[in-house]
Protein backbone atom coordinates (compact mmCIF):
# COMPACT_ATOMS: atom_id res chain seq x y z
CA MET A 1 49.05 89.85 71.28
CA CYS A 2 48.34 93.52 70.61
CA GLY A 3 50.33 96.03 68.59
CA HIS A 4 51.47 96.16 65.00
CA SER A 5 54.30 94.01 63.66
CA ARG A 6 56.64 95.03 60.90
CA LEU A 7 59.71 93.42 59.43
CA ARG A 8 63.19 94.82 59.93
CA THR A 9 65.11 96.29 57.03
CA ARG A 10 68.88 96.20 56.93
CA CYS A 11 70.77 99.39 56.19
CA THR A 12 73.95 98.73 54.27
CA PRO A 13 77.28 100.57 54.41
CA SER A 14 77.29 101.14 50.64
CA LEU A 15 73.96 102.97 50.70
CA LEU A 16 74.62 105.09 53.76
CA GLY A 17 78.10 105.85 52.51
CA GLU A 18 76.72 107.80 49.55
CA PRO A 19 75.32 111.31 50.24
CA ARG A 20 72.52 110.74 47.74
CA GLY A 21 71.72 107.38 49.30
CA LEU A 22 71.63 108.95 52.77
CA GLY A 23 69.18 111.58 51.58
CA VAL A 24 66.94 108.89 50.13
CA LEU A 25 67.00 106.93 53.38
CA VAL A 26 66.19 110.04 55.42
CA VAL A 27 63.11 110.72 53.29
CA LEU A 28 62.02 107.09 53.40
CA PHE A 29 62.56 106.94 57.17
CA LEU A 30 60.55 110.08 57.88
CA PHE A 31 57.64 108.90 55.74
CA GLY A 32 57.66 105.39 57.19
CA LEU A 33 58.63 103.68 53.91
CA VAL A 34 61.59 101.94 55.52
CA PRO A 35 60.01 101.10 58.88
CA GLY A 36 62.83 98.87 60.07
CA LEU A 37 65.61 101.41 59.72
CA SER A 38 66.84 102.33 63.16
CA VAL A 39 70.34 103.77 63.30
CA TRP A 40 71.84 104.28 66.72
CA SER A 41 75.25 105.53 65.69
CA GLY A 42 77.26 105.01 62.56
CA VAL A 43 76.26 102.45 59.94
CA CYS A 44 74.54 99.37 61.30
CA THR A 45 71.37 97.35 61.57
CA ALA A 46 68.84 97.55 64.38
CA ASP A 47 70.13 94.22 65.66
CA ASP A 48 73.72 95.47 65.59
CA VAL A 49 72.87 98.36 67.88
CA ALA A 50 70.54 96.28 70.01
CA GLY A 51 72.54 95.18 72.90
CA GLN A 52 73.74 97.96 75.08
CA GLN A 53 74.13 95.73 78.10
CA ALA A 54 72.88 97.03 81.43
CA ASP A 55 75.22 97.73 84.29
CA ASP A 56 73.99 95.23 86.92
CA ARG A 57 76.30 96.24 89.76
CA ALA A 58 73.27 96.94 91.91
CA GLY A 59 71.71 93.54 91.22
CA TRP A 60 68.59 95.09 89.67
CA ARG A 61 67.74 94.34 86.04
CA VAL A 62 65.25 95.56 83.45
CA GLU A 63 64.14 93.58 80.37
CA ARG A 64 61.97 94.68 77.46
CA LEU A 65 58.84 92.54 76.88
CA GLY A 66 56.68 92.20 73.79
CA PRO A 67 55.54 94.71 71.19
CA LEU A 68 53.93 98.09 71.63
CA VAL A 69 50.24 97.92 72.61
CA ASP A 70 48.29 100.69 70.89
CA LEU A 71 45.82 102.77 72.88
CA PRO A 72 42.55 103.69 71.15
CA ARG A 73 42.50 107.09 69.48
CA THR A 74 39.46 108.25 71.47
CA ALA A 75 37.97 107.62 74.92
CA ARG A 76 34.32 107.88 75.94
CA ALA A 77 33.49 110.32 78.75
CA ALA A 78 30.59 109.92 81.19
CA ASP A 79 28.49 112.45 79.26
CA GLY A 80 28.85 110.41 76.09
CA SER A 81 31.36 112.71 74.41
CA GLU A 82 34.53 111.42 72.78
CA VAL A 83 37.92 112.69 74.01
CA ALA A 84 40.96 112.39 71.75
CA VAL A 85 43.69 110.17 73.23
CA SER A 86 46.96 111.84 72.27
CA GLY A 87 49.94 113.38 73.99
CA VAL A 88 49.77 110.74 76.76
CA SER A 89 52.61 111.75 79.04
CA GLY A 90 52.30 109.86 82.32
CA ILE A 91 50.85 106.66 83.79
CA THR A 92 50.34 105.12 87.23
CA TRP A 93 49.11 101.73 88.44
CA LEU A 94 45.91 101.62 90.53
CA GLY A 95 45.80 97.87 91.23
CA GLY A 96 44.78 94.77 89.27
CA ASP A 97 44.34 95.64 85.59
CA LEU A 98 43.61 99.33 86.25
CA TYR A 99 45.82 102.32 85.44
CA ALA A 100 45.38 106.08 85.25
CA ALA A 101 47.11 108.28 82.69
CA VAL A 102 47.36 111.99 81.91
CA MET A 103 47.71 113.92 78.67
CA ASP A 104 49.70 117.10 78.14
CA ASN A 105 47.03 118.60 75.89
CA ALA A 106 43.68 117.93 77.59
CA PRO A 107 42.08 118.54 81.04
CA ALA A 108 41.20 114.88 81.51
CA LEU A 109 42.40 111.73 83.18
CA LEU A 110 42.35 108.44 81.33
CA ARG A 111 41.21 105.33 83.18
CA VAL A 112 42.93 102.44 81.39
CA THR A 113 41.98 98.80 81.81
CA VAL A 114 44.50 96.39 80.32
CA ALA A 115 45.48 92.86 81.37
CA PHE A 116 48.97 91.40 81.13
CA GLY A 117 49.80 87.72 81.48
CA PRO A 118 52.44 86.21 83.80
CA ALA A 119 55.12 86.65 81.14
CA GLY A 120 54.17 90.28 80.46
CA GLU A 121 52.12 89.59 77.34
CA SER A 122 49.10 91.76 76.57
CA ARG A 123 45.92 89.65 76.73
CA ALA A 124 43.42 92.05 75.13
CA PRO A 125 43.24 95.56 73.67
CA PRO A 126 43.12 98.31 76.31
CA VAL A 127 39.79 99.87 77.28
CA VAL A 128 40.04 103.60 78.00
CA GLU A 129 37.58 105.98 79.69
CA ALA A 130 37.96 109.76 80.01
CA LEU A 131 37.43 111.52 83.37
CA PRO A 132 37.37 115.35 83.50
CA LEU A 133 39.87 117.14 85.73
CA GLY A 134 38.22 120.54 85.54
CA ALA A 135 41.31 122.66 84.80
CA SER A 136 43.60 122.91 81.81
CA HIS A 137 47.34 122.50 82.40
CA ASP A 138 50.31 120.87 80.73
CA TYR A 139 49.93 117.64 82.71
CA GLU A 140 53.05 115.47 82.49
CA ASP A 141 52.91 112.69 85.09
CA LEU A 142 50.92 111.33 88.01
CA ALA A 143 51.23 108.97 90.97
CA ALA A 144 48.65 107.00 92.94
CA TRP A 145 48.74 107.50 96.72
CA PRO A 146 49.08 105.41 98.66
CA PRO A 147 50.64 103.14 96.05
CA PRO A 148 48.78 99.82 95.75
CA PRO A 149 50.52 96.76 97.23
CA GLU A 150 51.82 94.07 94.88
CA ASP A 151 48.76 91.87 95.43
CA ALA A 152 46.16 94.62 94.88
CA VAL A 153 43.33 93.34 92.67
CA ASP A 154 41.54 96.69 92.28
CA ASP A 155 41.87 100.39 93.07
CA ALA A 156 40.10 100.25 96.43
CA GLY A 157 43.20 101.30 98.37
CA VAL A 158 44.02 104.39 96.28
CA ARG A 159 42.72 107.61 97.85
CA ARG A 160 44.46 110.36 95.88
CA LEU A 161 46.38 111.07 92.71
CA PHE A 162 49.27 113.53 92.65
CA ILE A 163 49.63 115.12 89.22
CA GLY A 164 52.61 117.08 87.95
CA GLU A 165 52.11 119.97 85.52
CA GLU A 166 54.85 122.14 84.13
CA ASP A 167 53.15 125.38 83.13
CA THR A 168 52.68 126.69 86.70
CA PRO A 169 54.71 124.50 87.69
CA ALA A 170 53.01 122.47 90.42
CA VAL A 171 52.21 119.06 91.85
CA ARG A 172 48.42 119.06 92.15
CA SER A 173 46.18 116.47 93.76
CA CYS A 174 42.71 115.06 93.29
CA HIS A 175 40.50 112.44 94.88
CA TRP A 176 40.09 109.03 93.36
CA PRO A 177 37.93 107.58 91.82
CA THR A 178 36.01 110.85 91.24
CA PRO A 179 38.82 113.21 90.24
CA ALA A 180 38.53 116.92 90.89
CA LEU A 181 41.61 119.02 91.58
CA ASP A 182 41.55 120.17 95.19
CA GLY A 183 45.02 121.19 96.25
CA GLY A 184 48.54 119.85 95.99
CA LEU A 185 52.04 119.84 97.44
CA ARG A 186 54.36 122.80 97.86
CA LEU A 187 57.30 122.68 95.48
CA PRO A 188 60.59 124.33 96.44
CA ALA A 189 60.68 127.93 95.21
CA VAL A 190 63.69 127.16 93.04
CA PHE A 191 61.48 125.01 90.77
CA ARG A 192 59.86 128.20 89.45
CA ARG A 193 63.08 128.95 87.57
CA ARG A 194 62.39 126.20 85.07
CA ARG A 195 63.08 126.59 81.37
CA PRO A 196 60.00 126.94 79.12
CA ASN A 197 58.31 123.56 78.63
CA ARG A 198 60.92 121.92 80.87
CA GLY A 199 59.18 122.11 84.25
CA VAL A 200 57.78 119.33 86.46
CA GLU A 201 57.89 116.28 84.22
CA ALA A 202 58.05 113.33 86.64
CA VAL A 203 56.09 112.37 89.79
CA ALA A 204 56.24 109.21 91.94
CA ALA A 205 54.85 108.09 95.29
CA GLY A 206 56.98 106.02 97.63
CA PRO A 207 55.75 102.67 98.97
CA ASP A 208 57.37 103.32 102.34
CA GLY A 209 56.30 106.19 104.55
CA ALA A 210 54.57 109.11 102.89
CA PRO A 211 56.89 110.82 100.39
CA VAL A 212 56.04 112.07 96.91
CA TRP A 213 58.92 112.60 94.51
CA ALA A 214 59.07 115.08 91.63
CA ALA A 215 61.64 116.18 89.08
CA HIS A 216 61.86 118.82 86.39
CA GLU A 217 62.98 117.80 82.92
CA GLU A 218 66.18 119.79 82.25
CA ALA A 219 68.40 122.13 84.26
CA LEU A 220 66.76 125.15 85.85
CA GLU A 221 67.77 128.42 84.23
CA THR A 222 69.95 129.28 87.25
CA ASP A 223 71.43 125.79 87.68
CA GLY A 224 73.38 125.38 84.45
CA PRO A 225 73.07 125.03 80.70
CA ALA A 226 70.54 123.02 78.77
CA PRO A 227 71.85 119.84 77.11
CA THR A 228 73.73 120.02 73.84
CA ALA A 229 74.68 117.36 71.33
CA ASP A 230 77.81 116.61 73.39
CA SER A 231 76.77 117.32 76.97
CA GLY A 232 74.02 116.44 79.40
CA THR A 233 72.34 118.52 82.06
CA VAL A 234 71.66 118.42 85.81
CA VAL A 235 68.20 118.34 87.39
CA ARG A 236 66.77 118.36 90.89
CA ILE A 237 64.68 115.52 92.29
CA VAL A 238 62.69 116.65 95.31
CA LYS A 239 61.32 114.39 98.03
CA MET A 240 58.19 116.02 99.46
CA PRO A 241 56.72 114.66 102.69
CA ILE A 242 52.96 114.34 102.96
CA ALA A 243 51.67 115.84 106.20
CA VAL A 244 50.70 113.20 108.73
CA PRO A 245 48.73 114.19 111.87
CA ALA A 246 50.77 114.35 115.09
CA GLU A 247 54.04 114.27 113.16
CA PRO A 248 56.34 117.29 112.86
CA ALA A 249 56.74 118.86 109.43
CA ARG A 250 59.69 117.51 107.47
CA ARG A 251 61.83 119.49 105.04
CA ALA A 252 61.77 118.60 101.36
CA ALA A 253 65.16 117.12 100.52
CA GLN A 254 66.62 117.51 97.01
CA THR A 255 68.92 115.23 95.03
CA ALA A 256 71.00 116.38 92.06
CA TYR A 257 70.71 114.01 89.12
CA PRO A 258 73.07 114.04 86.09
CA VAL A 259 71.22 113.50 82.80
CA ALA A 260 73.26 111.85 80.06
CA PRO A 261 73.98 113.64 76.76
CA PRO A 262 71.64 112.88 73.86
CA HIS A 263 72.27 109.73 71.83
CA ARG A 264 74.28 109.96 68.64
CA PHE A 265 72.19 110.24 65.51
CA ILE A 266 72.38 111.04 61.82
CA GLY A 267 71.28 114.67 61.63
CA VAL A 268 68.60 115.72 59.15
CA SER A 269 67.51 119.17 60.38
CA GLY A 270 68.50 122.05 62.62
CA ILE A 271 66.03 121.44 65.45
CA ALA A 272 67.64 121.70 68.88
CA VAL A 273 68.42 118.50 70.78
CA HIS A 274 66.99 117.76 74.20
CA SER A 275 67.71 115.27 76.97
CA GLY A 276 66.00 115.14 80.33
CA VAL A 277 64.12 113.26 83.04
CA VAL A 278 60.57 112.25 82.05
CA ALA A 279 59.48 109.71 84.71
CA LEU A 280 60.28 108.43 88.19
CA VAL A 281 59.39 105.11 89.84
CA ALA A 282 59.81 104.90 93.63
CA LEU A 283 61.02 101.48 94.84
CA GLY A 284 61.25 102.24 98.56
CA SER A 285 64.18 102.84 100.94
CA GLY A 286 65.17 105.91 98.94
CA ARG A 287 65.67 104.02 95.67
CA LEU A 288 64.30 105.46 92.44
CA LEU A 289 64.13 104.36 88.85
CA VAL A 290 64.76 107.39 86.63
CA LEU A 291 63.63 107.40 83.00
CA GLU A 292 65.54 109.74 80.70
CA ARG A 293 64.45 110.64 77.20
CA ALA A 294 66.63 112.19 74.51
CA GLY A 295 65.45 113.63 71.22
CA GLY A 296 67.40 114.83 68.25
CA PRO A 297 66.80 116.10 64.72
CA GLY A 298 67.93 112.89 63.08
CA LEU A 299 67.82 109.12 63.06
CA PRO A 300 66.76 107.66 65.42
CA PRO A 301 64.77 110.63 66.73
CA PHE A 302 64.29 109.29 70.27
CA SER A 303 66.19 107.19 72.78
CA ASN A 304 65.75 106.34 76.46
CA ARG A 305 67.92 105.48 79.43
CA LEU A 306 66.56 103.87 82.60
CA THR A 307 68.75 104.14 85.68
CA LEU A 308 68.66 103.23 89.37
CA VAL A 309 69.67 105.75 92.04
CA ASP A 310 69.99 105.51 95.81
CA THR A 311 69.06 108.92 97.20
CA THR A 312 70.04 107.93 100.74
CA ALA A 313 73.68 107.99 99.62
CA ALA A 314 73.29 111.34 97.85
CA ARG A 315 74.01 114.83 99.08
CA ASP A 316 71.00 116.98 99.93
CA VAL A 317 71.33 120.00 97.63
CA ALA A 318 68.33 121.95 98.97
CA SER A 319 70.69 124.58 100.38
CA ILE A 320 72.31 125.18 96.97
CA GLU A 321 70.11 127.87 95.51
CA ARG A 322 71.79 128.23 92.12
CA ASP A 323 74.70 127.08 89.92
CA LEU A 324 74.16 123.42 90.70
CA ASP A 325 76.40 122.53 87.75
CA ARG A 326 79.34 124.12 89.59
CA HIS A 327 79.19 121.43 92.29
CA PRO A 328 80.64 118.36 90.56
CA ASP A 329 80.54 116.34 93.79
CA ALA A 330 76.81 116.93 94.30
CA PRO A 331 75.06 114.66 91.77
CA VAL A 332 74.05 111.12 92.72
CA ALA A 333 75.69 108.26 90.79
CA PRO A 334 73.05 106.58 88.57
CA VAL A 335 73.37 102.89 87.62
CA PRO A 336 72.14 102.25 84.05
CA LEU A 337 69.68 99.34 83.81
CA TRP A 338 68.37 99.72 80.23
CA VAL A 339 69.43 101.87 77.30
CA GLY A 340 67.74 101.84 73.93
CA THR A 341 64.79 102.90 71.82
CA VAL A 342 61.23 101.63 71.55
CA HIS A 343 60.96 103.45 68.21
CA ALA A 344 58.55 105.94 69.75
CA ASN A 345 58.51 108.80 72.24
CA LEU A 346 58.58 106.88 75.55
CA GLU A 347 57.57 109.44 78.15
CA GLY A 348 55.88 107.73 81.12
CA LEU A 349 56.60 104.71 83.34
CA CYS A 350 55.05 103.05 86.38
CA LEU A 351 55.42 99.92 88.49
CA GLY A 352 52.67 97.35 87.87
CA PRO A 353 51.57 93.96 89.21
CA PRO A 354 53.88 90.97 89.76
CA LEU A 355 54.80 88.70 86.84
CA HIS A 356 55.92 85.08 86.91
CA GLN A 357 59.36 86.56 87.50
CA GLY A 358 59.74 90.12 88.71
CA ARG A 359 57.33 93.06 88.45
CA LEU A 360 55.73 94.65 85.44
CA LEU A 361 57.05 98.07 84.47
CA LEU A 362 54.55 99.71 82.14
CA GLY A 363 55.59 102.61 79.95
CA VAL A 364 53.49 104.89 77.76
CA THR A 365 54.48 106.68 74.58
CA ALA A 366 53.22 110.04 73.40
CA ASP A 367 52.12 110.24 69.79
CA GLY A 368 55.29 112.18 68.93
CA GLY A 369 53.43 114.30 66.40
CA GLY A 370 53.73 111.57 63.78
CA GLY A 371 50.07 110.62 63.52
CA LEU A 372 50.49 107.23 65.18
CA PRO A 373 48.54 106.34 68.34
CA SER A 374 49.92 106.55 71.84
CA ALA A 375 50.94 103.11 73.05
CA LEU A 376 51.88 101.02 76.07
CA VAL A 377 55.22 99.23 76.32
CA ALA A 378 56.00 96.51 78.87
CA PHE A 379 59.23 95.88 80.75
CA ARG A 380 60.18 93.45 83.51
CA LEU A 381 61.88 94.69 86.68
CA LEU A 382 63.95 92.04 88.45
CA ARG A 383 65.15 92.62 91.99
CA PRO A 384 68.58 91.45 93.20
CA GLY A 385 68.71 87.64 93.08
CA GLU A 386 65.41 87.39 91.20
CA GLY A 387 65.07 85.60 87.86
CA THR A 388 67.68 84.22 85.51
CA PRO A 389 70.15 86.66 83.96
CA GLY A 390 69.67 86.98 80.23
CA PRO A 391 70.37 89.39 77.43
CA ASN A 392 69.22 92.92 78.20
CA ARG A 393 68.87 94.29 74.72
CA GLY A 394 68.35 97.97 74.14
CA ASP A 395 66.18 97.50 71.06
CA ALA A 396 62.62 96.47 70.44
CA PRO A 397 61.66 92.84 69.73
CA ALA A 398 61.48 91.72 66.13
CA ALA A 399 57.68 91.83 66.22
CA ASP A 400 57.57 95.43 67.36
CA ARG A 401 56.12 98.32 65.42
CA GLU A 402 59.11 100.30 64.23
CA ALA A 403 57.90 103.80 63.55
CA ALA A 404 60.19 106.73 62.84
CA ARG A 405 58.97 110.17 63.70
CA PRO A 406 60.58 113.60 63.72
CA PRO A 407 61.20 114.86 67.28
CA THR A 408 58.65 117.25 68.73
CA SER A 409 58.65 119.43 71.81
CA PRO A 410 58.14 117.17 74.85
C-alpha cells in the first residue's frame, strides 16, 4: 500500500495547559517533530477528535479509506521535459484507472494512472504524465464530459474537459485526449464580482442530461462578508446547460450554498482564516456532493466538510443580483456526510469506479506550501441502502501520514 505511515503521538492536558508547553508543541508541530499531534478543538488526542459522526438522514454515507498516496514530484512531458507536480487543485475520473488533474501554478494537465482494489486500497504508485494546455491561468478544478459510466474501462467515451480557473474567472474547455483550450461556458455576470483568489474553485459534470456545475470559493464581494473565525459565508453554485442541437437554450440556474464557519483551532499566528467550497461531485437528479475546506493560522491548519445537497428542492437565486446574505430563506440545506481532516490541504474530489461496496471517491491534496508532495486520498461513497453502516470517523487511519503545515492561500 502506498503512502507514508507514522505513529500517533498523544497530547496531554498537562503539557497543553502550560503556556511554555504550548509554545513548544506549536514549534514541534510546525516543523514536523510531533507528526501525530492533531488538535481539533481543546485538549485531546487525534483519536478523541476522530469521530464526528455523519448525518445520514439522506441515506448516503461517506467513509475514509487507507492512507494518503503520494504523487511523484515531477511528471514527464511528451517533449521529454520534466514538469513539477505541485499545487494540484482538481481531479476528474476518465474511466478505468485513468484520471486527469490540474495545477493552480502551471499551464498543464496531469494524466494520472493509478489502480485501486475492490476495497479502495492503492495497488501501485501512481504514474503521472504532463500534457500542455497552452495558456497560463489559476486552474482550480476540472470535469470530464460526458462523465464515464460506472463500468468504463478506459477514457474512450470522454470527449471534452471543462476546466475552472479563478483569475478571469471562467470555465474553459478543451478536447480530450489531446488538450488544447478552445472555448468554454458562459458564467453568469455576477461571478465577476469574486474576491481576489476566491473565484471559480469547483467544477462538475452531471451524469444525467448535459449540465456542468460550477461554484466560487467564498462569497462574492456584493453578496456578503468573507468568513471569519465565528461565521461562514454564502456562495453561488451555477448549473450551466450545454447547448444541444435542436433544443432551446436553457437559463443557468443558481443555488445558494451556506459554507460552515472554520473549524476551531489553537491559534499560532495572525493570518486570516478562510472557509469555502473547493470541489463539487454531481450525482444526478440535481444532487451534488460539496467539499468545503477551512484553513486557519493554528492547529490543525486544515479541515474539510463533505455535504450532500438536493438542488431541485432549492430556490433559484439567479434573479438576486446582490446581497445574497440578506435572504436567509434562500440557501439550500446541506446534509453533512463527512467532517474531519486528512492532515493535508484536501482541495479536489471526483467520483471514481465501483468498489466491492459503493463507489470510489478520490480526493487530491495540494502541497500546502509545506514541502511535502501532493497526494491522493480515497473515500467510499455508499448510496441509500448500500453497504453495512459502520463508524464514519472524521480522522485519518492510524497508518496515515500525519503532516502539519501552516495554511497558505488556496
